[in-house]
């Protein structure tokens, strides 16, 4: 089969060095291609090649040797790490009732001891709700959510959730 009137090996020789651009978070050391994150460099490179270079080169990309690929890493701080580093609080989880200190230890929560239980600050709301779902599987609980307006971002209202979880005991 001919590629631009050349055999496969001659066509690959004529291909210039291709750049694979990855972004690497300074804090969590994850690699990012577009909006997807990867723990492993090789998987991130393969994804970049499939997503970007395959459009440009077509089926030749399958035969491209590693010497023709140059990986360019750019360091930055991802959104999740930026939220954590800025100590911005999106959700406050208030655990009240039986064995809340034990729960905080089991789930490695940075809890503050308060009268009647513990409070945990989260920089990402999703993390707070994930912890609640895990606790819900083991314990009987009731929950109340309140939201407080803390500002505007690009014309959208930003709320801080305060979630009170009252634990009544272990499930049978």
N, C-alpha and C. Protein backbone atom coordinates (compact mmCIF):
# COMPACT_ATOMS: atom_id res chain seq x y z
N UNK A 1 0.85 -1.18 0.00
CA UNK A 1 0.00 0.00 0.00
C UNK A 1 0.89 1.24 0.00
N UNK A 2 0.52 2.24 -0.75
CA UNK A 2 1.32 3.45 -0.88
C UNK A 2 0.69 4.59 -0.08
N UNK A 3 1.56 5.39 0.50
CA UNK A 3 1.15 6.58 1.24
C UNK A 3 1.83 7.77 0.58
N UNK A 4 1.06 8.62 -0.06
CA UNK A 4 1.60 9.76 -0.82
C UNK A 4 2.66 9.29 -1.82
N UNK A 5 2.38 8.21 -2.52
CA UNK A 5 3.27 7.61 -3.53
C UNK A 5 4.58 7.10 -2.95
N UNK A 6 4.60 6.76 -1.66
CA UNK A 6 5.78 6.19 -1.01
C UNK A 6 5.38 4.93 -0.27
N UNK A 7 6.36 4.03 -0.13
CA UNK A 7 6.08 2.85 0.68
C UNK A 7 6.01 3.27 2.15
N UNK A 8 5.54 2.36 2.99
CA UNK A 8 5.32 2.68 4.41
C UNK A 8 6.60 3.15 5.09
N UNK A 9 7.71 2.42 4.92
CA UNK A 9 8.96 2.78 5.60
C UNK A 9 9.50 4.12 5.12
N UNK A 10 9.41 4.40 3.80
CA UNK A 10 9.89 5.69 3.28
C UNK A 10 9.01 6.83 3.78
N UNK A 11 7.70 6.60 3.85
CA UNK A 11 6.79 7.64 4.33
C UNK A 11 7.05 7.96 5.80
N UNK A 12 7.32 6.92 6.60
CA UNK A 12 7.59 7.14 8.02
C UNK A 12 8.91 7.90 8.20
N UNK A 13 9.90 7.63 7.36
CA UNK A 13 11.16 8.37 7.43
C UNK A 13 10.96 9.85 7.17
N UNK A 14 10.03 10.18 6.27
CA UNK A 14 9.79 11.58 5.90
C UNK A 14 8.99 12.35 6.95
N UNK A 15 8.33 11.62 7.86
CA UNK A 15 7.52 12.29 8.88
C UNK A 15 8.45 13.03 9.85
N UNK A 16 8.09 14.27 10.11
CA UNK A 16 8.88 15.07 11.06
C UNK A 16 8.53 14.65 12.49
N UNK A 17 9.35 15.13 13.41
CA UNK A 17 9.15 14.85 14.83
C UNK A 17 7.80 15.41 15.28
N UNK A 18 6.98 14.57 15.91
CA UNK A 18 5.65 14.96 16.36
C UNK A 18 5.69 15.27 17.86
N UNK A 19 5.09 16.39 18.24
CA UNK A 19 5.06 16.77 19.65
C UNK A 19 3.79 16.27 20.32
N UNK A 20 3.98 15.69 21.50
CA UNK A 20 2.86 15.29 22.35
C UNK A 20 2.91 16.22 23.55
N UNK A 21 1.88 17.06 23.67
CA UNK A 21 1.87 18.06 24.74
C UNK A 21 1.01 17.58 25.90
N UNK A 22 1.65 17.41 27.06
CA UNK A 22 0.96 16.99 28.28
C UNK A 22 1.09 18.09 29.32
N UNK A 23 0.08 18.21 30.15
CA UNK A 23 0.17 19.10 31.29
C UNK A 23 0.26 18.24 32.54
N UNK A 24 1.18 18.59 33.44
CA UNK A 24 1.38 17.81 34.66
C UNK A 24 1.16 18.72 35.86
N UNK A 25 0.31 18.25 36.77
CA UNK A 25 0.02 19.02 37.98
C UNK A 25 1.22 18.95 38.93
N UNK A 26 1.64 20.09 39.45
CA UNK A 26 2.78 20.13 40.37
C UNK A 26 2.48 19.46 41.70
N UNK A 27 1.21 19.45 42.09
CA UNK A 27 0.86 18.96 43.42
C UNK A 27 0.49 17.49 43.41
N UNK A 28 -0.49 17.10 42.57
CA UNK A 28 -0.95 15.71 42.58
C UNK A 28 -0.20 14.83 41.57
N UNK A 29 0.62 15.43 40.70
CA UNK A 29 1.45 14.72 39.71
C UNK A 29 0.64 13.92 38.70
N UNK A 30 -0.59 14.34 38.44
CA UNK A 30 -1.39 13.71 37.40
C UNK A 30 -1.10 14.40 36.07
N UNK A 31 -1.30 13.65 34.99
CA UNK A 31 -1.12 14.17 33.65
C UNK A 31 -2.49 14.50 33.06
N UNK A 32 -2.57 15.61 32.32
CA UNK A 32 -3.83 16.05 31.76
C UNK A 32 -3.71 16.22 30.25
N UNK A 33 -4.69 15.65 29.54
CA UNK A 33 -4.86 15.85 28.11
C UNK A 33 -6.29 16.32 27.96
N UNK A 34 -6.47 17.49 27.39
CA UNK A 34 -7.77 18.15 27.34
C UNK A 34 -8.27 18.26 28.78
N UNK A 35 -9.42 17.71 29.09
CA UNK A 35 -9.93 17.78 30.46
C UNK A 35 -9.84 16.44 31.18
N UNK A 36 -9.19 15.45 30.59
CA UNK A 36 -9.06 14.13 31.21
C UNK A 36 -7.75 14.05 31.96
N UNK A 37 -7.78 13.35 33.10
CA UNK A 37 -6.57 13.19 33.89
C UNK A 37 -6.13 11.73 33.88
N UNK A 38 -4.81 11.53 33.97
CA UNK A 38 -4.21 10.20 33.94
C UNK A 38 -3.13 10.11 34.99
N UNK A 39 -3.00 8.95 35.63
CA UNK A 39 -1.95 8.74 36.61
C UNK A 39 -0.64 8.32 35.94
N UNK A 40 -0.75 7.69 34.79
CA UNK A 40 0.41 7.12 34.11
C UNK A 40 0.73 7.94 32.85
N UNK A 41 2.02 8.20 32.62
CA UNK A 41 2.46 8.97 31.46
C UNK A 41 2.13 8.26 30.15
N UNK A 42 2.40 6.97 30.11
CA UNK A 42 2.20 6.21 28.87
C UNK A 42 0.74 6.23 28.42
N UNK A 43 -0.17 6.08 29.37
CA UNK A 43 -1.60 6.10 29.02
C UNK A 43 -1.99 7.49 28.51
N UNK A 44 -1.44 8.53 29.12
CA UNK A 44 -1.73 9.90 28.69
C UNK A 44 -1.19 10.14 27.28
N UNK A 45 0.00 9.63 26.99
CA UNK A 45 0.59 9.78 25.65
C UNK A 45 -0.27 9.06 24.61
N UNK A 46 -0.68 7.83 24.92
CA UNK A 46 -1.52 7.07 23.99
C UNK A 46 -2.84 7.80 23.72
N UNK A 47 -3.43 8.36 24.77
CA UNK A 47 -4.68 9.09 24.60
C UNK A 47 -4.47 10.31 23.71
N UNK A 48 -3.37 11.04 23.92
CA UNK A 48 -3.08 12.22 23.11
C UNK A 48 -2.91 11.83 21.65
N UNK A 49 -2.18 10.73 21.43
CA UNK A 49 -1.94 10.28 20.05
C UNK A 49 -3.26 9.91 19.38
N UNK A 50 -4.12 9.17 20.09
CA UNK A 50 -5.40 8.78 19.51
C UNK A 50 -6.29 9.98 19.25
N UNK A 51 -6.30 10.92 20.20
CA UNK A 51 -7.21 12.05 20.10
C UNK A 51 -6.74 13.10 19.09
N UNK A 52 -5.45 13.43 19.09
CA UNK A 52 -4.97 14.55 18.28
C UNK A 52 -4.18 14.13 17.04
N UNK A 53 -3.18 13.27 17.21
CA UNK A 53 -2.33 12.94 16.08
C UNK A 53 -3.01 12.04 15.06
N UNK A 54 -3.92 11.19 15.50
CA UNK A 54 -4.58 10.29 14.55
C UNK A 54 -5.45 11.07 13.57
N UNK A 55 -5.99 12.20 13.98
CA UNK A 55 -6.76 13.05 13.07
C UNK A 55 -5.86 13.61 11.98
N UNK A 56 -4.65 13.97 12.37
CA UNK A 56 -3.71 14.61 11.46
C UNK A 56 -3.04 13.60 10.52
N UNK A 57 -2.71 12.41 11.04
CA UNK A 57 -1.90 11.47 10.27
C UNK A 57 -2.67 10.23 9.80
N UNK A 58 -3.85 10.01 10.33
CA UNK A 58 -4.64 8.87 9.91
C UNK A 58 -4.05 7.55 10.40
N UNK A 59 -4.08 6.54 9.52
CA UNK A 59 -3.63 5.20 9.92
C UNK A 59 -2.10 5.08 10.03
N UNK A 60 -1.37 6.07 9.57
CA UNK A 60 0.09 6.05 9.72
C UNK A 60 0.52 6.06 11.18
N UNK A 61 -0.33 6.58 12.04
CA UNK A 61 0.00 6.72 13.46
C UNK A 61 0.27 5.37 14.11
N UNK A 62 -0.35 4.31 13.60
CA UNK A 62 -0.13 2.98 14.15
C UNK A 62 1.29 2.48 13.93
N UNK A 63 1.94 2.96 12.87
CA UNK A 63 3.28 2.49 12.50
C UNK A 63 4.38 3.47 12.92
N UNK A 64 3.99 4.56 13.57
CA UNK A 64 4.95 5.60 13.94
C UNK A 64 5.86 5.12 15.07
N UNK A 65 7.18 5.12 14.87
CA UNK A 65 8.10 4.68 15.94
C UNK A 65 8.20 5.73 17.04
N UNK A 66 8.64 5.30 18.22
CA UNK A 66 8.75 6.18 19.40
C UNK A 66 9.77 7.30 19.17
N UNK A 67 10.73 7.08 18.30
CA UNK A 67 11.76 8.11 18.06
C UNK A 67 11.18 9.34 17.38
N UNK A 68 10.04 9.17 16.71
CA UNK A 68 9.41 10.29 16.00
C UNK A 68 8.44 11.07 16.90
N UNK A 69 8.37 10.70 18.18
CA UNK A 69 7.45 11.36 19.10
C UNK A 69 8.26 12.06 20.19
N UNK A 70 8.01 13.33 20.37
CA UNK A 70 8.67 14.11 21.42
C UNK A 70 7.61 14.52 22.44
N UNK A 71 7.82 14.16 23.70
CA UNK A 71 6.87 14.48 24.75
C UNK A 71 7.27 15.81 25.40
N UNK A 72 6.34 16.75 25.40
CA UNK A 72 6.56 18.06 26.00
C UNK A 72 5.63 18.18 27.20
N UNK A 73 6.22 18.30 28.40
CA UNK A 73 5.44 18.43 29.62
C UNK A 73 5.45 19.88 30.08
N UNK A 74 4.27 20.36 30.44
CA UNK A 74 4.16 21.70 31.00
C UNK A 74 3.54 21.56 32.37
N UNK A 75 4.16 22.18 33.36
CA UNK A 75 3.64 22.08 34.73
C UNK A 75 2.61 23.17 34.99
N UNK A 76 1.62 22.81 35.77
CA UNK A 76 0.58 23.74 36.18
C UNK A 76 -0.06 23.17 37.44
N UNK A 77 -1.05 23.86 37.97
CA UNK A 77 -1.79 23.36 39.13
C UNK A 77 -3.22 23.14 38.69
N UNK A 78 -3.70 21.90 38.83
CA UNK A 78 -5.05 21.56 38.38
C UNK A 78 -6.09 22.23 39.28
N UNK A 79 -7.33 22.25 38.81
CA UNK A 79 -8.41 22.94 39.54
C UNK A 79 -8.65 22.36 40.92
N UNK A 80 -8.62 21.03 41.04
CA UNK A 80 -8.88 20.41 42.34
C UNK A 80 -7.78 20.76 43.34
N UNK A 81 -6.53 20.72 42.90
CA UNK A 81 -5.41 21.08 43.80
C UNK A 81 -5.43 22.57 44.12
N UNK A 82 -5.84 23.38 43.16
CA UNK A 82 -5.91 24.83 43.40
C UNK A 82 -6.95 25.12 44.49
N UNK A 83 -8.08 24.43 44.42
CA UNK A 83 -9.11 24.62 45.45
C UNK A 83 -8.59 24.19 46.81
N UNK A 84 -7.90 23.06 46.84
CA UNK A 84 -7.38 22.55 48.10
C UNK A 84 -6.29 23.46 48.65
N UNK A 85 -5.39 23.92 47.79
CA UNK A 85 -4.29 24.78 48.23
C UNK A 85 -4.77 26.14 48.72
N UNK A 86 -5.86 26.63 48.13
CA UNK A 86 -6.36 27.94 48.53
C UNK A 86 -7.16 27.87 49.84
N UNK A 87 -7.41 26.65 50.31
CA UNK A 87 -8.16 26.42 51.55
C UNK A 87 -9.58 26.98 51.47
N UNK A 88 -10.10 27.04 50.24
CA UNK A 88 -11.48 27.47 50.06
C UNK A 88 -12.40 26.32 50.47
N UNK A 89 -13.45 26.65 51.17
CA UNK A 89 -14.37 25.64 51.69
C UNK A 89 -15.66 25.69 50.88
N UNK A 90 -15.97 24.58 50.18
CA UNK A 90 -17.21 24.49 49.42
C UNK A 90 -18.29 23.77 50.22
N UNK A 91 -17.86 22.92 51.16
CA UNK A 91 -18.85 22.17 51.95
C UNK A 91 -18.31 21.93 53.35
N UNK A 92 -19.22 21.98 54.32
CA UNK A 92 -18.88 21.66 55.71
C UNK A 92 -19.75 20.47 56.10
N UNK A 93 -19.10 19.40 56.50
CA UNK A 93 -19.81 18.20 56.94
C UNK A 93 -19.78 18.17 58.47
N UNK A 94 -20.96 18.21 59.07
CA UNK A 94 -21.07 18.18 60.52
C UNK A 94 -21.60 16.81 60.92
N UNK A 95 -20.75 16.01 61.54
CA UNK A 95 -21.14 14.68 62.00
C UNK A 95 -21.55 14.77 63.46
N UNK A 96 -22.74 14.31 63.76
CA UNK A 96 -23.26 14.35 65.12
C UNK A 96 -23.80 12.97 65.49
N UNK A 97 -23.73 12.62 66.77
CA UNK A 97 -24.31 11.37 67.24
C UNK A 97 -23.27 10.37 67.69
N UNK A 98 -23.63 9.09 67.58
CA UNK A 98 -22.80 7.99 68.07
C UNK A 98 -21.56 7.78 67.19
N UNK A 99 -20.46 7.50 67.81
CA UNK A 99 -19.19 7.07 67.21
C UNK A 99 -18.72 7.92 66.03
N UNK A 100 -18.89 9.23 66.09
CA UNK A 100 -18.45 10.09 64.99
C UNK A 100 -16.93 10.21 64.93
N UNK A 101 -16.28 10.15 66.08
CA UNK A 101 -14.81 10.21 66.08
C UNK A 101 -14.22 8.98 65.41
N UNK A 102 -14.84 7.83 65.65
CA UNK A 102 -14.40 6.59 65.02
C UNK A 102 -14.57 6.67 63.50
N UNK A 103 -15.67 7.23 63.05
CA UNK A 103 -15.93 7.40 61.61
C UNK A 103 -14.89 8.32 61.00
N UNK A 104 -14.58 9.42 61.68
CA UNK A 104 -13.58 10.35 61.18
C UNK A 104 -12.22 9.68 61.03
N UNK A 105 -11.86 8.82 61.98
CA UNK A 105 -10.59 8.08 61.90
C UNK A 105 -10.62 7.07 60.75
N UNK A 106 -11.73 6.33 60.62
CA UNK A 106 -11.84 5.29 59.59
C UNK A 106 -11.73 5.86 58.18
N UNK A 107 -12.25 7.05 57.96
CA UNK A 107 -12.23 7.65 56.63
C UNK A 107 -11.14 8.70 56.48
N UNK A 108 -10.21 8.77 57.42
CA UNK A 108 -9.07 9.71 57.37
C UNK A 108 -9.52 11.15 57.12
N UNK A 109 -10.47 11.60 57.90
CA UNK A 109 -10.99 12.95 57.75
C UNK A 109 -10.25 13.89 58.70
N UNK A 110 -9.91 15.07 58.21
CA UNK A 110 -9.29 16.09 59.04
C UNK A 110 -10.40 16.81 59.79
N UNK A 111 -10.80 16.23 60.91
CA UNK A 111 -11.97 16.70 61.63
C UNK A 111 -11.58 17.62 62.78
N UNK A 112 -12.46 18.61 63.03
CA UNK A 112 -12.31 19.49 64.19
C UNK A 112 -13.33 19.05 65.22
N UNK A 113 -12.88 18.80 66.43
CA UNK A 113 -13.77 18.40 67.51
C UNK A 113 -14.59 19.59 67.98
N UNK A 114 -15.91 19.46 67.97
CA UNK A 114 -16.80 20.50 68.46
C UNK A 114 -17.78 19.84 69.42
N UNK A 115 -18.54 20.67 70.12
CA UNK A 115 -19.52 20.14 71.08
C UNK A 115 -20.56 19.29 70.33
N UNK A 116 -20.67 18.04 70.71
CA UNK A 116 -21.67 17.16 70.11
C UNK A 116 -21.18 16.34 68.92
N UNK A 117 -19.96 16.55 68.45
CA UNK A 117 -19.48 15.77 67.30
C UNK A 117 -18.23 16.36 66.68
N UNK A 118 -18.14 16.24 65.36
CA UNK A 118 -16.97 16.75 64.63
C UNK A 118 -17.44 17.51 63.39
N UNK A 119 -16.63 18.47 62.96
CA UNK A 119 -16.86 19.21 61.72
C UNK A 119 -15.69 18.93 60.77
N UNK A 120 -16.01 18.75 59.49
CA UNK A 120 -14.99 18.50 58.47
C UNK A 120 -15.23 19.48 57.32
N UNK A 121 -14.17 20.21 56.94
CA UNK A 121 -14.26 21.14 55.82
C UNK A 121 -13.79 20.45 54.55
N UNK A 122 -14.52 20.67 53.44
CA UNK A 122 -14.17 20.10 52.15
C UNK A 122 -14.00 21.21 51.13
N UNK A 123 -12.93 21.14 50.34
CA UNK A 123 -12.72 22.12 49.29
C UNK A 123 -13.48 21.75 48.02
N UNK A 124 -13.98 20.50 47.95
CA UNK A 124 -14.77 20.05 46.80
C UNK A 124 -16.03 19.38 47.33
N UNK A 125 -17.19 19.89 46.95
CA UNK A 125 -18.47 19.38 47.45
C UNK A 125 -18.64 17.89 47.17
N UNK A 126 -18.23 17.47 45.99
CA UNK A 126 -18.40 16.08 45.58
C UNK A 126 -17.76 15.12 46.58
N UNK A 127 -16.61 15.50 47.14
CA UNK A 127 -15.93 14.65 48.12
C UNK A 127 -16.78 14.47 49.38
N UNK A 128 -17.43 15.54 49.81
CA UNK A 128 -18.27 15.46 51.01
C UNK A 128 -19.43 14.49 50.78
N UNK A 129 -20.07 14.59 49.63
CA UNK A 129 -21.20 13.72 49.34
C UNK A 129 -20.76 12.27 49.15
N UNK A 130 -19.54 12.05 48.63
CA UNK A 130 -19.03 10.68 48.51
C UNK A 130 -18.83 10.05 49.89
N UNK A 131 -18.30 10.82 50.83
CA UNK A 131 -18.11 10.32 52.19
C UNK A 131 -19.46 9.99 52.83
N UNK A 132 -20.46 10.85 52.62
CA UNK A 132 -21.79 10.60 53.17
C UNK A 132 -22.36 9.30 52.62
N UNK A 133 -22.19 9.07 51.33
CA UNK A 133 -22.70 7.83 50.72
C UNK A 133 -22.02 6.60 51.30
N UNK A 134 -20.73 6.70 51.61
CA UNK A 134 -20.02 5.58 52.23
C UNK A 134 -20.52 5.32 53.65
N UNK A 135 -20.73 6.41 54.39
CA UNK A 135 -21.21 6.28 55.77
C UNK A 135 -22.63 5.71 55.79
N UNK A 136 -23.44 6.11 54.81
CA UNK A 136 -24.83 5.68 54.72
C UNK A 136 -24.95 4.16 54.60
N UNK A 137 -23.95 3.52 53.99
CA UNK A 137 -23.99 2.07 53.82
C UNK A 137 -23.79 1.32 55.14
N UNK A 138 -23.10 1.95 56.11
CA UNK A 138 -22.77 1.28 57.36
C UNK A 138 -23.63 1.70 58.55
N UNK A 139 -24.16 2.92 58.51
CA UNK A 139 -24.84 3.48 59.67
C UNK A 139 -26.23 3.98 59.30
N UNK A 140 -27.13 3.98 60.31
CA UNK A 140 -28.42 4.65 60.17
C UNK A 140 -28.19 6.13 60.39
N UNK A 141 -28.65 6.95 59.47
CA UNK A 141 -28.41 8.38 59.63
C UNK A 141 -29.56 9.20 59.07
N UNK A 142 -29.62 10.42 59.57
CA UNK A 142 -30.54 11.41 58.99
C UNK A 142 -29.68 12.61 58.60
N UNK A 143 -30.14 13.34 57.59
CA UNK A 143 -29.29 14.36 57.02
C UNK A 143 -30.12 15.62 56.73
N UNK A 144 -29.47 16.78 56.92
CA UNK A 144 -30.10 18.05 56.57
C UNK A 144 -29.04 18.90 55.87
N UNK A 145 -29.43 19.50 54.75
CA UNK A 145 -28.50 20.31 53.96
C UNK A 145 -28.99 21.74 53.92
N UNK A 146 -28.08 22.68 54.21
CA UNK A 146 -28.39 24.09 54.05
C UNK A 146 -27.33 24.69 53.15
N UNK A 147 -27.74 25.68 52.39
CA UNK A 147 -26.82 26.33 51.46
C UNK A 147 -26.75 27.82 51.77
N UNK A 148 -25.54 28.35 51.72
CA UNK A 148 -25.33 29.78 51.99
C UNK A 148 -24.65 30.40 50.78
N UNK A 149 -25.15 31.51 50.31
CA UNK A 149 -24.56 32.21 49.19
C UNK A 149 -23.25 32.84 49.64
N UNK A 150 -22.15 32.49 48.96
CA UNK A 150 -20.84 33.01 49.36
C UNK A 150 -20.22 33.90 48.30
N UNK A 151 -20.86 34.02 47.14
CA UNK A 151 -20.31 34.91 46.12
C UNK A 151 -20.84 34.61 44.73
N UNK A 152 -20.26 35.31 43.77
CA UNK A 152 -20.60 35.12 42.37
C UNK A 152 -19.34 34.81 41.59
N UNK A 153 -19.48 33.95 40.59
CA UNK A 153 -18.35 33.65 39.70
C UNK A 153 -18.92 33.59 38.29
N UNK A 154 -18.45 34.47 37.43
CA UNK A 154 -18.95 34.56 36.05
C UNK A 154 -20.47 34.69 36.00
N UNK A 155 -21.03 35.45 36.92
CA UNK A 155 -22.46 35.69 36.93
C UNK A 155 -23.28 34.58 37.56
N UNK A 156 -22.64 33.54 38.02
CA UNK A 156 -23.35 32.42 38.65
C UNK A 156 -23.18 32.50 40.16
N UNK A 157 -24.22 32.11 40.87
CA UNK A 157 -24.17 32.13 42.33
C UNK A 157 -23.38 30.93 42.84
N UNK A 158 -22.51 31.18 43.81
CA UNK A 158 -21.69 30.13 44.42
C UNK A 158 -22.19 29.94 45.86
N UNK A 159 -22.49 28.68 46.20
CA UNK A 159 -23.02 28.36 47.52
C UNK A 159 -22.06 27.47 48.29
N UNK A 160 -22.05 27.64 49.60
CA UNK A 160 -21.35 26.72 50.50
C UNK A 160 -22.39 25.85 51.17
N UNK A 161 -22.24 24.54 51.04
CA UNK A 161 -23.19 23.60 51.65
C UNK A 161 -22.75 23.27 53.06
N UNK A 162 -23.70 23.29 53.98
CA UNK A 162 -23.47 22.79 55.33
C UNK A 162 -24.38 21.58 55.49
N UNK A 163 -23.75 20.43 55.70
CA UNK A 163 -24.49 19.17 55.75
C UNK A 163 -24.39 18.62 57.17
N UNK A 164 -25.53 18.53 57.83
CA UNK A 164 -25.57 17.95 59.18
C UNK A 164 -26.00 16.51 59.05
N UNK A 165 -25.15 15.61 59.50
CA UNK A 165 -25.45 14.18 59.45
C UNK A 165 -25.55 13.69 60.88
N UNK A 166 -26.75 13.24 61.26
CA UNK A 166 -26.98 12.72 62.59
C UNK A 166 -26.97 11.19 62.51
N UNK A 167 -26.02 10.57 63.21
CA UNK A 167 -25.84 9.12 63.16
C UNK A 167 -26.51 8.50 64.36
N UNK A 168 -27.42 7.54 64.07
CA UNK A 168 -28.21 6.89 65.12
C UNK A 168 -27.63 5.56 65.55
N UNK A 169 -26.69 5.03 64.84
CA UNK A 169 -26.08 3.74 65.19
C UNK A 169 -25.84 2.89 63.96
N UNK A 170 -25.19 1.74 64.17
CA UNK A 170 -24.86 0.86 63.06
C UNK A 170 -26.10 0.18 62.50
N UNK A 171 -26.04 -0.12 61.20
CA UNK A 171 -27.12 -0.87 60.56
C UNK A 171 -27.00 -2.34 60.98
N UNK A 172 -28.14 -2.97 61.03
CA UNK A 172 -28.15 -4.39 61.44
C UNK A 172 -28.11 -5.27 60.22
